[in-house]
PDB file of all heavy atoms in Angstrom:
ATOM      1  N   THR A   1      56.101 201.581  70.728  1.00  0.00           N
ATOM      2  CA  THR A   1      55.322 202.096  71.873  1.00  0.00           C
ATOM      3  C   THR A   1      56.193 202.660  72.945  1.00  0.00           C
ATOM      4  O   THR A   1      57.400 202.403  72.915  1.00  0.00           O
ATOM      5  CB  THR A   1      54.413 200.954  72.409  1.00  0.00           C
ATOM      6  OG1 THR A   1      55.379 199.987  73.075  1.00  0.00           O
ATOM      7  CG2 THR A   1      53.540 200.349  71.367  1.00  0.00           C
ATOM      8  N   VAL A   2      55.583 203.441  73.806  1.00  0.00           N
ATOM      9  CA  VAL A   2      56.308 203.913  74.979  1.00  0.00           C
ATOM     10  C   VAL A   2      56.905 202.765  75.815  1.00  0.00           C
ATOM     11  O   VAL A   2      58.026 202.846  76.175  1.00  0.00           O
ATOM     12  CB  VAL A   2      55.355 204.757  75.804  1.00  0.00           C
ATOM     13  CG1 VAL A   2      55.913 205.114  77.218  1.00  0.00           C
ATOM     14  CG2 VAL A   2      54.970 206.094  75.042  1.00  0.00           C
ATOM     15  N   PHE A   3      56.066 201.719  76.036  1.00  0.00           N
ATOM     16  CA  PHE A   3      56.509 200.635  76.809  1.00  0.00           C
ATOM     17  C   PHE A   3      57.731 199.997  76.176  1.00  0.00           C
ATOM     18  O   PHE A   3      58.742 199.777  76.867  1.00  0.00           O
ATOM     19  CB  PHE A   3      55.428 199.551  76.817  1.00  0.00           C
ATOM     20  CG  PHE A   3      55.647 198.483  77.834  1.00  0.00           C
ATOM     21  CD1 PHE A   3      55.196 198.436  79.076  1.00  0.00           C
ATOM     22  CD2 PHE A   3      56.471 197.375  77.318  1.00  0.00           C
ATOM     23  CE1 PHE A   3      55.543 197.332  79.983  1.00  0.00           C
ATOM     24  CE2 PHE A   3      56.841 196.340  78.255  1.00  0.00           C
ATOM     25  CZ  PHE A   3      56.259 196.331  79.559  1.00  0.00           C
ATOM     26  N   ASP A   4      57.728 199.770  74.922  1.00  0.00           N
ATOM     27  CA  ASP A   4      58.917 199.145  74.209  1.00  0.00           C
ATOM     28  C   ASP A   4      60.136 200.016  74.237  1.00  0.00           C
ATOM     29  O   ASP A   4      61.266 199.560  74.257  1.00  0.00           O
ATOM     30  CB  ASP A   4      58.551 198.647  72.796  1.00  0.00           C
ATOM     31  CG  ASP A   4      57.490 197.458  72.876  1.00  0.00           C
ATOM     32  OD1 ASP A   4      57.644 196.682  73.921  1.00  0.00           O
ATOM     33  OD2 ASP A   4      56.917 197.135  71.854  1.00  0.00           O
ATOM     34  N   ASN A   5      59.921 201.335  73.917  1.00  0.00           N
ATOM     35  CA  ASN A   5      60.961 202.278  74.057  1.00  0.00           C
ATOM     36  C   ASN A   5      61.850 202.149  75.343  1.00  0.00           C
ATOM     37  O   ASN A   5      63.033 202.129  75.382  1.00  0.00           O
ATOM     38  CB  ASN A   5      60.586 203.735  73.879  1.00  0.00           C
ATOM     39  CG  ASN A   5      60.701 204.182  72.371  1.00  0.00           C
ATOM     40  OD1 ASN A   5      61.775 204.365  71.892  1.00  0.00           O
ATOM     41  ND2 ASN A   5      59.606 204.320  71.687  1.00  0.00           N
ATOM     42  N   ILE A   6      60.994 202.110  76.437  1.00  0.00           N
ATOM     43  CA  ILE A   6      61.668 201.987  77.798  1.00  0.00           C
ATOM     44  C   ILE A   6      62.277 200.643  77.919  1.00  0.00           C
ATOM     45  O   ILE A   6      63.387 200.489  78.527  1.00  0.00           O
ATOM     46  CB  ILE A   6      60.578 202.396  78.896  1.00  0.00           C
ATOM     47  CG1 ILE A   6      60.256 203.830  78.671  1.00  0.00           C
ATOM     48  CG2 ILE A   6      61.295 202.158  80.283  1.00  0.00           C
ATOM     49  CD1 ILE A   6      59.166 204.247  79.765  1.00  0.00           C
ATOM     50  N   LEU A   7      61.609 199.562  77.439  1.00  0.00           N
ATOM     51  CA  LEU A   7      62.148 198.273  77.614  1.00  0.00           C
ATOM     52  C   LEU A   7      63.521 198.114  76.868  1.00  0.00           C
ATOM     53  O   LEU A   7      64.385 197.432  77.372  1.00  0.00           O
ATOM     54  CB  LEU A   7      61.088 197.219  77.050  1.00  0.00           C
ATOM     55  CG  LEU A   7      61.465 195.719  77.144  1.00  0.00           C
ATOM     56  CD1 LEU A   7      61.527 195.388  78.665  1.00  0.00           C
ATOM     57  CD2 LEU A   7      60.395 194.894  76.415  1.00  0.00           C
ATOM     58  N   VAL A   8      63.615 198.833  75.717  1.00  0.00           N
ATOM     59  CA  VAL A   8      64.987 198.774  75.069  1.00  0.00           C
ATOM     60  C   VAL A   8      66.104 199.177  76.024  1.00  0.00           C
ATOM     61  O   VAL A   8      67.170 198.574  75.961  1.00  0.00           O
ATOM     62  CB  VAL A   8      64.948 199.762  73.832  1.00  0.00           C
ATOM     63  CG1 VAL A   8      66.293 199.996  73.221  1.00  0.00           C
ATOM     64  CG2 VAL A   8      64.049 199.054  72.722  1.00  0.00           C
ATOM     65  N   GLY A   9      65.856 200.127  76.842  1.00  0.00           N
ATOM     66  CA  GLY A   9      66.789 200.598  77.722  1.00  0.00           C
ATOM     67  C   GLY A   9      67.300 199.617  78.750  1.00  0.00           C
ATOM     68  O   GLY A   9      68.437 199.662  79.236  1.00  0.00           O
ATOM     69  N   SER A  10      66.552 198.567  79.046  1.00  0.00           N
ATOM     70  CA  SER A  10      66.867 197.645  80.104  1.00  0.00           C
ATOM     71  C   SER A  10      67.751 196.512  79.478  1.00  0.00           C
ATOM     72  O   SER A  10      68.401 195.765  80.230  1.00  0.00           O
ATOM     73  CB  SER A  10      65.644 196.959  80.748  1.00  0.00           C
ATOM     74  OG  SER A  10      65.019 196.181  79.767  1.00  0.00           O
ATOM     75  N   HIS A  11      67.949 196.504  78.151  1.00  0.00           N
ATOM     76  CA  HIS A  11      68.627 195.307  77.554  1.00  0.00           C
ATOM     77  C   HIS A  11      70.052 195.272  77.793  1.00  0.00           C
ATOM     78  O   HIS A  11      70.713 194.191  77.754  1.00  0.00           O
ATOM     79  CB  HIS A  11      68.332 195.243  76.134  1.00  0.00           C
ATOM     80  CG  HIS A  11      66.832 194.761  75.889  1.00  0.00           C
ATOM     81  ND1 HIS A  11      66.260 194.832  74.639  1.00  0.00           N
ATOM     82  CD2 HIS A  11      66.024 194.050  76.724  1.00  0.00           C
ATOM     83  CE1 HIS A  11      65.055 194.291  74.697  1.00  0.00           C
ATOM     84  NE2 HIS A  11      64.912 193.865  76.016  1.00  0.00           N
ATOM     85  N   CYS A  12      70.756 196.481  78.154  1.00  0.00           N
ATOM     86  CA  CYS A  12      72.172 196.381  78.451  1.00  0.00           C
ATOM     87  C   CYS A  12      72.420 195.667  79.782  1.00  0.00           C
ATOM     88  O   CYS A  12      73.551 195.252  80.045  1.00  0.00           O
ATOM     89  CB  CYS A  12      72.729 197.794  78.490  1.00  0.00           C
ATOM     90  SG  CYS A  12      72.315 198.538  80.139  1.00  0.00           S
ATOM     91  N   ARG A  13      71.369 195.514  80.582  1.00  0.00           N
ATOM     92  CA  ARG A  13      71.450 194.819  81.877  1.00  0.00           C
ATOM     93  C   ARG A  13      71.179 193.352  81.867  1.00  0.00           C
ATOM     94  O   ARG A  13      71.463 192.672  82.837  1.00  0.00           O
ATOM     95  CB  ARG A  13      70.511 195.540  82.884  1.00  0.00           C
ATOM     96  CG  ARG A  13      71.026 196.823  83.335  1.00  0.00           C
ATOM     97  CD  ARG A  13      72.187 196.673  84.327  1.00  0.00           C
ATOM     98  NE  ARG A  13      72.578 197.992  84.841  1.00  0.00           N
ATOM     99  CZ  ARG A  13      73.595 198.148  85.617  1.00  0.00           C
ATOM    100  NH1 ARG A  13      74.311 197.068  85.919  1.00  0.00           N
ATOM    101  NH2 ARG A  13      73.835 199.273  86.102  1.00  0.00           N
ATOM    102  N   THR A  14      70.538 192.815  80.755  1.00  0.00           N
ATOM    103  CA  THR A  14      70.180 191.453  80.781  1.00  0.00           C
ATOM    104  C   THR A  14      71.432 190.632  80.390  1.00  0.00           C
ATOM    105  O   THR A  14      72.208 191.016  79.504  1.00  0.00           O
ATOM    106  CB  THR A  14      69.026 191.189  79.754  1.00  0.00           C
ATOM    107  OG1 THR A  14      69.380 191.792  78.555  1.00  0.00           O
ATOM    108  CG2 THR A  14      67.853 191.772  80.273  1.00  0.00           C
ATOM    109  N   SER A  15      71.594 189.511  81.012  1.00  0.00           N
ATOM    110  CA  SER A  15      72.879 188.849  80.861  1.00  0.00           C
ATOM    111  C   SER A  15      72.760 187.694  79.797  1.00  0.00           C
ATOM    112  O   SER A  15      73.786 187.368  79.185  1.00  0.00           O
ATOM    113  CB  SER A  15      73.313 188.147  82.166  1.00  0.00           C
ATOM    114  OG  SER A  15      72.163 187.237  82.567  1.00  0.00           O
ATOM    115  N   THR A  16      71.600 187.255  79.387  1.00  0.00           N
ATOM    116  CA  THR A  16      71.477 186.231  78.512  1.00  0.00           C
ATOM    117  C   THR A  16      71.681 186.809  77.016  1.00  0.00           C
ATOM    118  O   THR A  16      71.208 187.827  76.707  1.00  0.00           O
ATOM    119  CB  THR A  16      70.074 185.581  78.509  1.00  0.00           C
ATOM    120  OG1 THR A  16      69.090 186.605  78.548  1.00  0.00           O
ATOM    121  CG2 THR A  16      69.899 184.748  79.806  1.00  0.00           C
ATOM    122  N   GLY A  17      72.392 186.033  76.254  1.00  0.00           N
ATOM    123  CA  GLY A  17      72.804 186.449  74.892  1.00  0.00           C
ATOM    124  C   GLY A  17      71.708 186.177  73.856  1.00  0.00           C
ATOM    125  O   GLY A  17      70.717 185.670  74.125  1.00  0.00           O
ATOM    126  N   PHE A  18      72.053 186.518  72.617  1.00  0.00           N
ATOM    127  CA  PHE A  18      71.168 186.385  71.465  1.00  0.00           C
ATOM    128  C   PHE A  18      70.756 184.869  71.296  1.00  0.00           C
ATOM    129  O   PHE A  18      69.567 184.506  71.097  1.00  0.00           O
ATOM    130  CB  PHE A  18      71.787 186.846  70.265  1.00  0.00           C
ATOM    131  CG  PHE A  18      71.024 186.540  68.951  1.00  0.00           C
ATOM    132  CD1 PHE A  18      69.876 187.244  68.661  1.00  0.00           C
ATOM    133  CD2 PHE A  18      71.362 185.497  68.116  1.00  0.00           C
ATOM    134  CE1 PHE A  18      69.174 187.008  67.516  1.00  0.00           C
ATOM    135  CE2 PHE A  18      70.661 185.223  67.005  1.00  0.00           C
ATOM    136  CZ  PHE A  18      69.538 185.894  66.699  1.00  0.00           C
ATOM    137  N   ALA A  19      71.741 183.991  71.323  1.00  0.00           N
ATOM    138  CA  ALA A  19      71.474 182.519  71.039  1.00  0.00           C
ATOM    139  C   ALA A  19      70.495 181.949  72.041  1.00  0.00           C
ATOM    140  O   ALA A  19      69.541 181.322  71.640  1.00  0.00           O
ATOM    141  CB  ALA A  19      72.784 181.735  71.178  1.00  0.00           C
ATOM    142  N   SER A  20      70.719 182.280  73.317  1.00  0.00           N
ATOM    143  CA  SER A  20      69.734 181.753  74.326  1.00  0.00           C
ATOM    144  C   SER A  20      68.348 182.419  74.189  1.00  0.00           C
ATOM    145  O   SER A  20      67.261 181.791  74.388  1.00  0.00           O
ATOM    146  CB  SER A  20      70.294 181.832  75.745  1.00  0.00           C
ATOM    147  OG  SER A  20      70.543 183.251  75.953  1.00  0.00           O
ATOM    148  N   ASN A  21      68.323 183.670  73.746  1.00  0.00           N
ATOM    149  CA  ASN A  21      66.961 184.303  73.490  1.00  0.00           C
ATOM    150  C   ASN A  21      66.322 183.581  72.416  1.00  0.00           C
ATOM    151  O   ASN A  21      65.123 183.285  72.396  1.00  0.00           O
ATOM    152  CB  ASN A  21      67.221 185.805  73.090  1.00  0.00           C
ATOM    153  CG  ASN A  21      67.132 186.717  74.289  1.00  0.00           C
ATOM    154  OD1 ASN A  21      66.344 186.524  75.149  1.00  0.00           O
ATOM    155  ND2 ASN A  21      68.125 187.630  74.351  1.00  0.00           N
ATOM    156  N   PHE A  22      67.060 183.308  71.376  1.00  0.00           N
ATOM    157  CA  PHE A  22      66.551 182.663  70.165  1.00  0.00           C
ATOM    158  C   PHE A  22      66.072 181.259  70.527  1.00  0.00           C
ATOM    159  O   PHE A  22      64.920 180.858  70.047  1.00  0.00           O
ATOM    160  CB  PHE A  22      67.679 182.510  69.137  1.00  0.00           C
ATOM    161  CG  PHE A  22      67.192 181.969  67.850  1.00  0.00           C
ATOM    162  CD1 PHE A  22      66.345 182.670  66.967  1.00  0.00           C
ATOM    163  CD2 PHE A  22      67.660 180.749  67.422  1.00  0.00           C
ATOM    164  CE1 PHE A  22      66.001 182.155  65.758  1.00  0.00           C
ATOM    165  CE2 PHE A  22      67.172 180.114  66.241  1.00  0.00           C
ATOM    166  CZ  PHE A  22      66.345 180.911  65.402  1.00  0.00           C
ATOM    167  N   LEU A  23      66.656 180.580  71.370  1.00  0.00           N
ATOM    168  CA  LEU A  23      66.311 179.241  71.798  1.00  0.00           C
ATOM    169  C   LEU A  23      65.333 179.230  72.883  1.00  0.00           C
ATOM    170  O   LEU A  23      64.921 178.127  73.380  1.00  0.00           O
ATOM    171  CB  LEU A  23      67.605 178.362  72.089  1.00  0.00           C
ATOM    172  CG  LEU A  23      68.647 178.170  70.965  1.00  0.00           C
ATOM    173  CD1 LEU A  23      69.935 177.705  71.574  1.00  0.00           C
ATOM    174  CD2 LEU A  23      68.081 177.293  69.901  1.00  0.00           C
ATOM    175  N   ARG A  24      65.098 180.422  73.503  1.00  0.00           N
ATOM    176  CA  ARG A  24      64.152 180.511  74.630  1.00  0.00           C
ATOM    177  C   ARG A  24      64.606 179.564  75.701  1.00  0.00           C
ATOM    178  O   ARG A  24      63.828 178.816  76.330  1.00  0.00           O
ATOM    179  CB  ARG A  24      62.716 180.257  74.160  1.00  0.00           C
ATOM    180  CG  ARG A  24      62.028 181.331  73.582  1.00  0.00           C
ATOM    181  CD  ARG A  24      61.612 182.399  74.643  1.00  0.00           C
ATOM    182  NE  ARG A  24      60.947 183.571  74.030  1.00  0.00           N
ATOM    183  CZ  ARG A  24      61.637 184.721  73.977  1.00  0.00           C
ATOM    184  NH1 ARG A  24      62.960 184.847  74.291  1.00  0.00           N
ATOM    185  NH2 ARG A  24      61.007 185.796  73.622  1.00  0.00           N
ATOM    186  N   LEU A  25      65.867 179.743  76.186  1.00  0.00           N
ATOM    187  CA  LEU A  25      66.406 178.849  77.143  1.00  0.00           C
ATOM    188  C   LEU A  25      65.764 179.284  78.520  1.00  0.00           C
ATOM    189  O   LEU A  25      65.351 180.519  78.749  1.00  0.00           O
ATOM    190  CB  LEU A  25      67.864 178.914  77.269  1.00  0.00           C
ATOM    191  CG  LEU A  25      68.622 178.233  76.120  1.00  0.00           C
ATOM    192  CD1 LEU A  25      70.124 178.400  76.191  1.00  0.00           C
ATOM    193  CD2 LEU A  25      68.360 176.789  75.976  1.00  0.00           C
ATOM    194  N   PRO A  26      65.815 178.338  79.541  1.00  0.00           N
ATOM    195  CA  PRO A  26      65.254 178.812  80.876  1.00  0.00           C
ATOM    196  C   PRO A  26      66.165 179.853  81.307  1.00  0.00           C
ATOM    197  O   PRO A  26      67.354 180.006  81.083  1.00  0.00           O
ATOM    198  CB  PRO A  26      65.612 177.563  81.824  1.00  0.00           C
ATOM    199  CG  PRO A  26      65.803 176.448  80.859  1.00  0.00           C
ATOM    200  CD  PRO A  26      66.208 176.979  79.501  1.00  0.00           C
ATOM    201  N   GLY A  27      65.597 180.876  82.071  1.00  0.00           N
ATOM    202  CA  GLY A  27      66.270 182.051  82.543  1.00  0.00           C
ATOM    203  C   GLY A  27      65.981 183.211  81.731  1.00  0.00           C
ATOM    204  O   GLY A  27      65.853 184.364  82.219  1.00  0.00           O
ATOM    205  N   VAL A  28      65.789 182.969  80.417  1.00  0.00           N
ATOM    206  CA  VAL A  28      65.374 184.089  79.489  1.00  0.00           C
ATOM    207  C   VAL A  28      64.054 184.722  79.868  1.00  0.00           C
ATOM    208  O   VAL A  28      63.901 185.900  79.996  1.00  0.00           O
ATOM    209  CB  VAL A  28      65.467 183.726  78.087  1.00  0.00           C
ATOM    210  CG1 VAL A  28      64.992 184.840  77.158  1.00  0.00           C
ATOM    211  CG2 VAL A  28      66.885 183.319  77.677  1.00  0.00           C
ATOM    212  N   ARG A  29      63.147 183.799  80.004  1.00  0.00           N
ATOM    213  CA  ARG A  29      61.752 184.190  80.293  1.00  0.00           C
ATOM    214  C   ARG A  29      61.708 185.060  81.695  1.00  0.00           C
ATOM    215  O   ARG A  29      61.040 185.960  81.791  1.00  0.00           O
ATOM    216  CB  ARG A  29      60.888 182.911  80.405  1.00  0.00           C
ATOM    217  CG  ARG A  29      59.379 183.079  80.572  1.00  0.00           C
ATOM    218  CD  ARG A  29      58.784 183.672  79.260  1.00  0.00           C
ATOM    219  NE  ARG A  29      58.375 185.040  79.514  1.00  0.00           N
ATOM    220  CZ  ARG A  29      58.116 185.979  78.629  1.00  0.00           C
ATOM    221  NH1 ARG A  29      58.362 185.721  77.357  1.00  0.00           N
ATOM    222  NH2 ARG A  29      57.737 187.190  78.941  1.00  0.00           N
ATOM    223  N   ARG A  30      62.419 184.474  82.669  1.00  0.00           N
ATOM    224  CA  ARG A  30      62.458 185.110  84.003  1.00  0.00           C
ATOM    225  C   ARG A  30      63.003 186.486  83.889  1.00  0.00           C
ATOM    226  O   ARG A  30      62.450 187.469  84.380  1.00  0.00           O
ATOM    227  CB  ARG A  30      63.254 184.323  84.966  1.00  0.00           C
ATOM    228  CG  ARG A  30      63.101 184.710  86.411  1.00  0.00           C
ATOM    229  CD  ARG A  30      63.825 183.853  87.384  1.00  0.00           C
ATOM    230  NE  ARG A  30      65.238 183.753  87.051  1.00  0.00           N
ATOM    231  CZ  ARG A  30      65.923 182.706  86.745  1.00  0.00           C
ATOM    232  NH1 ARG A  30      65.319 181.502  86.655  1.00  0.00           N
ATOM    233  NH2 ARG A  30      67.252 182.740  86.490  1.00  0.00           N
TER     234      ARG A  30
END
């Protein structure tokens, strides 16, 4: 979708890594 295409662009700016995304650690949701 258009939304997800644009969202992909923001991922270089997120600091949490793959492991914490996978584990859904606090901070990832925010």
